């Protein structure tokens, strides 16, 4: 009787493992490359990013406050259009919404939390969630994809960002290459 029960339990566990492999983990994943530009403007008639908390910038010996367009402790909220090309009149494909916190007392380093929401094409209504450490002194910055919605459910991957036309005072255009495994 005990042996029959143990055999039944083993058969159940093997069946559950086989079901899990064929129904949850066995689907082939696809890698999708998304390429667009993000308008990230702090000034002008229609800013797309706004500093909601102003931090401070300290001298190297922490004794005096210095002036800088971006400061340690700043929190910036983003609602940036995503476009096909770098020009402001380029076709809009979505929006990047999120926030960045300036985390470095020296240099311009931010902790970025961004949601790339697509509004056009075959991925309309889908989104990708991105987190990363952004060092503006680095030419190409890499962030991690931590999830997604719609066609990008269970997404993972990475995003490469590069300044296209950008300055720290006004903002500008950032080129994004997003590689999504889904």
C-alpha atoms as a PDB file:
ATOM      1  CA  UNK A   1       0.000   0.000   0.000  1.00  0.00           C
ATOM      2  CA  UNK A   2       2.788   2.421   0.937  1.00  0.00           C
ATOM      3  CA  UNK A   3       4.723   1.408  -2.181  1.00  0.00           C
ATOM      4  CA  UNK A   4       1.696   2.086  -4.384  1.00  0.00           C
ATOM      5  CA  UNK A   5       1.288   5.512  -2.774  1.00  0.00           C
ATOM      6  CA  UNK A   6       4.976   6.379  -3.358  1.00  0.00           C
ATOM      7  CA  UNK A   7       4.777   5.241  -6.999  1.00  0.00           C
ATOM      8  CA  UNK A   8       1.652   7.345  -7.486  1.00  0.00           C
ATOM      9  CA  UNK A   9       3.393  10.387  -5.945  1.00  0.00           C
ATOM     10  CA  UNK A  10       6.445   9.911  -8.204  1.00  0.00           C
ATOM     11  CA  UNK A  11       4.223   9.597 -11.273  1.00  0.00           C
ATOM     12  CA  UNK A  12       2.366  12.775 -10.279  1.00  0.00           C
ATOM     13  CA  UNK A  13       5.625  14.734  -9.772  1.00  0.00           C
ATOM     14  CA  UNK A  14       7.048  13.553 -13.099  1.00  0.00           C
ATOM     15  CA  UNK A  15       3.818  14.498 -14.839  1.00  0.00           C
ATOM     16  CA  UNK A  16       3.821  17.934 -13.227  1.00  0.00           C
ATOM     17  CA  UNK A  17       7.445  18.509 -14.278  1.00  0.00           C
ATOM     18  CA  UNK A  18       6.690  17.461 -17.856  1.00  0.00           C
ATOM     19  CA  UNK A  19       3.648  19.765 -17.950  1.00  0.00           C
ATOM     20  CA  UNK A  20       5.748  22.655 -16.656  1.00  0.00           C
ATOM     21  CA  UNK A  21       8.432  22.103 -19.317  1.00  0.00           C
ATOM     22  CA  UNK A  22       5.991  21.891 -22.205  1.00  0.00           C
ATOM     23  CA  UNK A  23       3.588  24.647 -21.178  1.00  0.00           C
ATOM     24  CA  UNK A  24       5.625  27.275 -19.360  1.00  0.00           C
ATOM     25  CA  UNK A  25       9.318  27.099 -20.173  1.00  0.00           C
ATOM     26  CA  UNK A  26       9.448  25.438 -23.571  1.00  0.00           C
ATOM     27  CA  UNK A  27       8.214  28.338 -25.702  1.00  0.00           C
ATOM     28  CA  UNK A  28      10.939  29.635 -27.992  1.00  0.00           C
ATOM     29  CA  UNK A  29      11.949  33.185 -27.210  1.00  0.00           C
ATOM     30  CA  UNK A  30      12.379  35.934 -29.754  1.00  0.00           C
ATOM     31  CA  UNK A  31      14.850  38.803 -29.682  1.00  0.00           C
ATOM     32  CA  UNK A  32      13.418  42.055 -30.992  1.00  0.00           C
ATOM     33  CA  UNK A  33      15.570  45.102 -31.740  1.00  0.00           C
ATOM     34  CA  UNK A  34      13.769  48.420 -31.261  1.00  0.00           C
ATOM     35  CA  UNK A  35      15.471  51.617 -32.390  1.00  0.00           C
ATOM     36  CA  UNK A  36      14.134  55.085 -31.740  1.00  0.00           C
ATOM     37  CA  UNK A  37      14.981  58.538 -30.435  1.00  0.00           C
ATOM     38  CA  UNK A  38      13.852  60.100 -27.172  1.00  0.00           C
ATOM     39  CA  UNK A  39      13.154  63.846 -26.904  1.00  0.00           C
ATOM     40  CA  UNK A  40      14.357  64.759 -23.412  1.00  0.00           C
ATOM     41  CA  UNK A  41      13.998  68.555 -23.153  1.00  0.00           C
ATOM     42  CA  UNK A  42      14.114  70.516 -19.865  1.00  0.00           C
ATOM     43  CA  UNK A  43      13.554  73.936 -21.446  1.00  0.00           C
ATOM     44  CA  UNK A  44      11.655  75.537 -24.293  1.00  0.00           C
ATOM     45  CA  UNK A  45       7.943  75.897 -24.994  1.00  0.00           C
ATOM     46  CA  UNK A  46       7.136  72.202 -24.433  1.00  0.00           C
ATOM     47  CA  UNK A  47       9.537  70.605 -21.936  1.00  0.00           C
ATOM     48  CA  UNK A  48       9.301  66.817 -21.697  1.00  0.00           C
ATOM     49  CA  UNK A  49      11.334  66.436 -18.489  1.00  0.00           C
ATOM     50  CA  UNK A  50      10.963  68.321 -15.237  1.00  0.00           C
ATOM     51  CA  UNK A  51      13.161  68.562 -12.168  1.00  0.00           C
ATOM     52  CA  UNK A  52      10.719  68.092  -9.263  1.00  0.00           C
ATOM     53  CA  UNK A  53      13.321  68.011  -6.468  1.00  0.00           C
ATOM     54  CA  UNK A  54      16.468  70.123  -6.519  1.00  0.00           C
ATOM     55  CA  UNK A  55      19.485  68.663  -4.811  1.00  0.00           C
ATOM     56  CA  UNK A  56      22.790  70.358  -4.265  1.00  0.00           C
ATOM     57  CA  UNK A  57      26.218  70.244  -5.746  1.00  0.00           C
ATOM     58  CA  UNK A  58      29.135  70.271  -3.346  1.00  0.00           C
ATOM     59  CA  UNK A  59      32.749  71.216  -3.826  1.00  0.00           C
ATOM     60  CA  UNK A  60      35.233  68.319  -3.557  1.00  0.00           C
ATOM     61  CA  UNK A  61      35.855  69.074   0.142  1.00  0.00           C
ATOM     62  CA  UNK A  62      32.055  69.327   0.845  1.00  0.00           C
ATOM     63  CA  UNK A  63      32.480  72.852   2.218  1.00  0.00           C
ATOM     64  CA  UNK A  64      30.718  74.995  -0.383  1.00  0.00           C
ATOM     65  CA  UNK A  65      27.857  74.596  -2.813  1.00  0.00           C
ATOM     66  CA  UNK A  66      28.755  74.932  -6.483  1.00  0.00           C
ATOM     67  CA  UNK A  67      26.481  75.656  -9.418  1.00  0.00           C
ATOM     68  CA  UNK A  68      25.695  72.955 -11.956  1.00  0.00           C
ATOM     69  CA  UNK A  69      22.696  72.271 -14.212  1.00  0.00           C
ATOM     70  CA  UNK A  70      22.383  68.807 -12.653  1.00  0.00           C
ATOM     71  CA  UNK A  71      23.044  68.251  -8.984  1.00  0.00           C
ATOM     72  CA  UNK A  72      23.355  65.423  -6.481  1.00  0.00           C
ATOM     73  CA  UNK A  73      19.889  64.568  -5.162  1.00  0.00           C
ATOM     74  CA  UNK A  74      17.923  65.969  -8.109  1.00  0.00           C
ATOM     75  CA  UNK A  75      14.819  64.004  -9.019  1.00  0.00           C
ATOM     76  CA  UNK A  76      13.647  64.393 -12.597  1.00  0.00           C
ATOM     77  CA  UNK A  77      10.321  63.150 -13.964  1.00  0.00           C
ATOM     78  CA  UNK A  78      10.230  62.169 -17.643  1.00  0.00           C
ATOM     79  CA  UNK A  79       7.397  62.072 -20.174  1.00  0.00           C
ATOM     80  CA  UNK A  80       9.511  61.947 -23.314  1.00  0.00           C
ATOM     81  CA  UNK A  81       8.199  61.245 -26.818  1.00  0.00           C
ATOM     82  CA  UNK A  82       9.801  58.321 -28.672  1.00  0.00           C
ATOM     83  CA  UNK A  83      10.207  59.001 -32.380  1.00  0.00           C
ATOM     84  CA  UNK A  84      11.433  57.187 -35.483  1.00  0.00           C
ATOM     85  CA  UNK A  85      14.090  59.801 -36.229  1.00  0.00           C
ATOM     86  CA  UNK A  86      16.082  62.426 -34.336  1.00  0.00           C
ATOM     87  CA  UNK A  87      14.127  65.446 -35.626  1.00  0.00           C
ATOM     88  CA  UNK A  88      11.353  66.879 -33.439  1.00  0.00           C
ATOM     89  CA  UNK A  89       8.916  66.519 -36.356  1.00  0.00           C
ATOM     90  CA  UNK A  90       9.680  62.814 -36.799  1.00  0.00           C
ATOM     91  CA  UNK A  91       6.844  60.264 -36.509  1.00  0.00           C
ATOM     92  CA  UNK A  92       5.988  59.446 -32.905  1.00  0.00           C
ATOM     93  CA  UNK A  93       6.080  55.736 -31.965  1.00  0.00           C
ATOM     94  CA  UNK A  94       5.548  55.948 -28.214  1.00  0.00           C
ATOM     95  CA  UNK A  95       6.601  57.598 -24.984  1.00  0.00           C
ATOM     96  CA  UNK A  96       9.184  57.078 -22.276  1.00  0.00           C
ATOM     97  CA  UNK A  97       7.782  57.726 -18.823  1.00  0.00           C
ATOM     98  CA  UNK A  98       9.636  57.462 -15.549  1.00  0.00           C
ATOM     99  CA  UNK A  99      12.114  59.203 -13.327  1.00  0.00           C
ATOM    100  CA  UNK A 100      15.820  59.613 -12.651  1.00  0.00           C
ATOM    101  CA  UNK A 101      17.563  60.363  -9.363  1.00  0.00           C
ATOM    102  CA  UNK A 102      21.012  61.980  -9.476  1.00  0.00           C
ATOM    103  CA  UNK A 103      23.138  59.695  -7.318  1.00  0.00           C
ATOM    104  CA  UNK A 104      26.667  61.020  -7.669  1.00  0.00           C
ATOM    105  CA  UNK A 105      28.242  63.986  -5.920  1.00  0.00           C
ATOM    106  CA  UNK A 106      30.815  64.232  -8.697  1.00  0.00           C
ATOM    107  CA  UNK A 107      29.860  63.862 -12.322  1.00  0.00           C
ATOM    108  CA  UNK A 108      26.355  63.279 -13.596  1.00  0.00           C
ATOM    109  CA  UNK A 109      25.251  59.780 -12.629  1.00  0.00           C
ATOM    110  CA  UNK A 110      21.583  58.855 -12.284  1.00  0.00           C
ATOM    111  CA  UNK A 111      19.531  55.884 -11.221  1.00  0.00           C
ATOM    112  CA  UNK A 112      17.007  55.595 -14.075  1.00  0.00           C
ATOM    113  CA  UNK A 113      13.582  53.926 -13.949  1.00  0.00           C
ATOM    114  CA  UNK A 114      11.826  54.125 -17.316  1.00  0.00           C
ATOM    115  CA  UNK A 115       8.798  52.604 -18.973  1.00  0.00           C
ATOM    116  CA  UNK A 116       8.938  52.574 -22.793  1.00  0.00           C
ATOM    117  CA  UNK A 117       5.306  52.504 -23.951  1.00  0.00           C
ATOM    118  CA  UNK A 118       4.776  51.868 -27.672  1.00  0.00           C
ATOM    119  CA  UNK A 119       1.879  53.567 -29.447  1.00  0.00           C
ATOM    120  CA  UNK A 120       2.390  52.527 -33.078  1.00  0.00           C
ATOM    121  CA  UNK A 121       3.218  49.545 -35.263  1.00  0.00           C
ATOM    122  CA  UNK A 122       3.017  45.874 -34.434  1.00  0.00           C
ATOM    123  CA  UNK A 123       3.901  46.475 -30.753  1.00  0.00           C
ATOM    124  CA  UNK A 124       1.198  49.132 -30.186  1.00  0.00           C
ATOM    125  CA  UNK A 125       0.021  48.905 -26.571  1.00  0.00           C
ATOM    126  CA  UNK A 126       3.060  46.944 -25.384  1.00  0.00           C
ATOM    127  CA  UNK A 127       5.743  48.300 -23.085  1.00  0.00           C
ATOM    128  CA  UNK A 128       9.201  47.560 -21.740  1.00  0.00           C
ATOM    129  CA  UNK A 129      10.419  48.456 -18.228  1.00  0.00           C
ATOM    130  CA  UNK A 130      14.051  49.609 -18.007  1.00  0.00           C
ATOM    131  CA  UNK A 131      16.321  50.249 -15.005  1.00  0.00           C
ATOM    132  CA  UNK A 132      19.884  51.421 -15.102  1.00  0.00           C
ATOM    133  CA  UNK A 133      22.793  53.461 -13.872  1.00  0.00           C
ATOM    134  CA  UNK A 134      23.250  56.313 -16.318  1.00  0.00           C
ATOM    135  CA  UNK A 135      26.655  58.008 -16.360  1.00  0.00           C
ATOM    136  CA  UNK A 136      26.470  61.002 -18.701  1.00  0.00           C
ATOM    137  CA  UNK A 137      30.278  61.023 -18.997  1.00  0.00           C
ATOM    138  CA  UNK A 138      30.060  57.657 -20.805  1.00  0.00           C
ATOM    139  CA  UNK A 139      29.418  57.668 -24.554  1.00  0.00           C
ATOM    140  CA  UNK A 140      27.179  54.571 -24.566  1.00  0.00           C
ATOM    141  CA  UNK A 141      25.174  53.688 -21.475  1.00  0.00           C
ATOM    142  CA  UNK A 142      23.702  50.235 -20.849  1.00  0.00           C
ATOM    143  CA  UNK A 143      20.513  49.585 -18.874  1.00  0.00           C
ATOM    144  CA  UNK A 144      18.676  46.366 -18.082  1.00  0.00           C
ATOM    145  CA  UNK A 145      15.173  45.408 -19.189  1.00  0.00           C
ATOM    146  CA  UNK A 146      13.344  44.092 -16.152  1.00  0.00           C
ATOM    147  CA  UNK A 147       9.988  43.224 -17.693  1.00  0.00           C
ATOM    148  CA  UNK A 148       7.278  44.220 -20.078  1.00  0.00           C
ATOM    149  CA  UNK A 149       3.600  44.162 -20.957  1.00  0.00           C
ATOM    150  CA  UNK A 150       1.520  43.101 -23.956  1.00  0.00           C
ATOM    151  CA  UNK A 151       3.700  41.449 -26.585  1.00  0.00           C
ATOM    152  CA  UNK A 152       6.698  41.885 -24.243  1.00  0.00           C
ATOM    153  CA  UNK A 153       5.391  39.965 -21.223  1.00  0.00           C
ATOM    154  CA  UNK A 154       8.250  38.239 -19.373  1.00  0.00           C
ATOM    155  CA  UNK A 155      10.688  40.479 -21.271  1.00  0.00           C
ATOM    156  CA  UNK A 156      14.342  40.728 -20.457  1.00  0.00           C
ATOM    157  CA  UNK A 157      17.263  42.235 -22.281  1.00  0.00           C
ATOM    158  CA  UNK A 158      19.156  45.500 -22.411  1.00  0.00           C
ATOM    159  CA  UNK A 159      18.992  49.052 -23.714  1.00  0.00           C
ATOM    160  CA  UNK A 160      21.887  51.088 -25.078  1.00  0.00           C
ATOM    161  CA  UNK A 161      21.477  54.863 -24.940  1.00  0.00           C
ATOM    162  CA  UNK A 162      23.685  57.473 -26.569  1.00  0.00           C
ATOM    163  CA  UNK A 163      23.393  61.250 -26.704  1.00  0.00           C
ATOM    164  CA  UNK A 164      22.475  62.338 -30.207  1.00  0.00           C
ATOM    165  CA  UNK A 165      22.227  66.093 -29.590  1.00  0.00           C
ATOM    166  CA  UNK A 166      22.263  66.777 -25.873  1.00  0.00           C
ATOM    167  CA  UNK A 167      23.545  69.214 -23.290  1.00  0.00           C
ATOM    168  CA  UNK A 168      23.051  69.138 -19.521  1.00  0.00           C
ATOM    169  CA  UNK A 169      21.362  72.529 -19.307  1.00  0.00           C
ATOM    170  CA  UNK A 170      18.626  72.105 -21.916  1.00  0.00           C
ATOM    171  CA  UNK A 171      18.460  68.362 -22.549  1.00  0.00           C
ATOM    172  CA  UNK A 172      18.060  67.175 -26.120  1.00  0.00           C
ATOM    173  CA  UNK A 173      17.743  64.007 -28.157  1.00  0.00           C
ATOM    174  CA  UNK A 174      18.931  60.579 -26.989  1.00  0.00           C
ATOM    175  CA  UNK A 175      19.255  57.587 -29.333  1.00  0.00           C
ATOM    176  CA  UNK A 176      17.933  54.304 -27.910  1.00  0.00           C
ATOM    177  CA  UNK A 177      18.689  50.771 -29.090  1.00  0.00           C
ATOM    178  CA  UNK A 178      16.569  48.274 -27.173  1.00  0.00           C
ATOM    179  CA  UNK A 179      17.143  44.516 -27.401  1.00  0.00           C
ATOM    180  CA  UNK A 180      14.158  42.638 -25.958  1.00  0.00           C
ATOM    181  CA  UNK A 181      14.027  38.890 -25.397  1.00  0.00           C
ATOM    182  CA  UNK A 182      10.414  37.776 -25.090  1.00  0.00           C
END
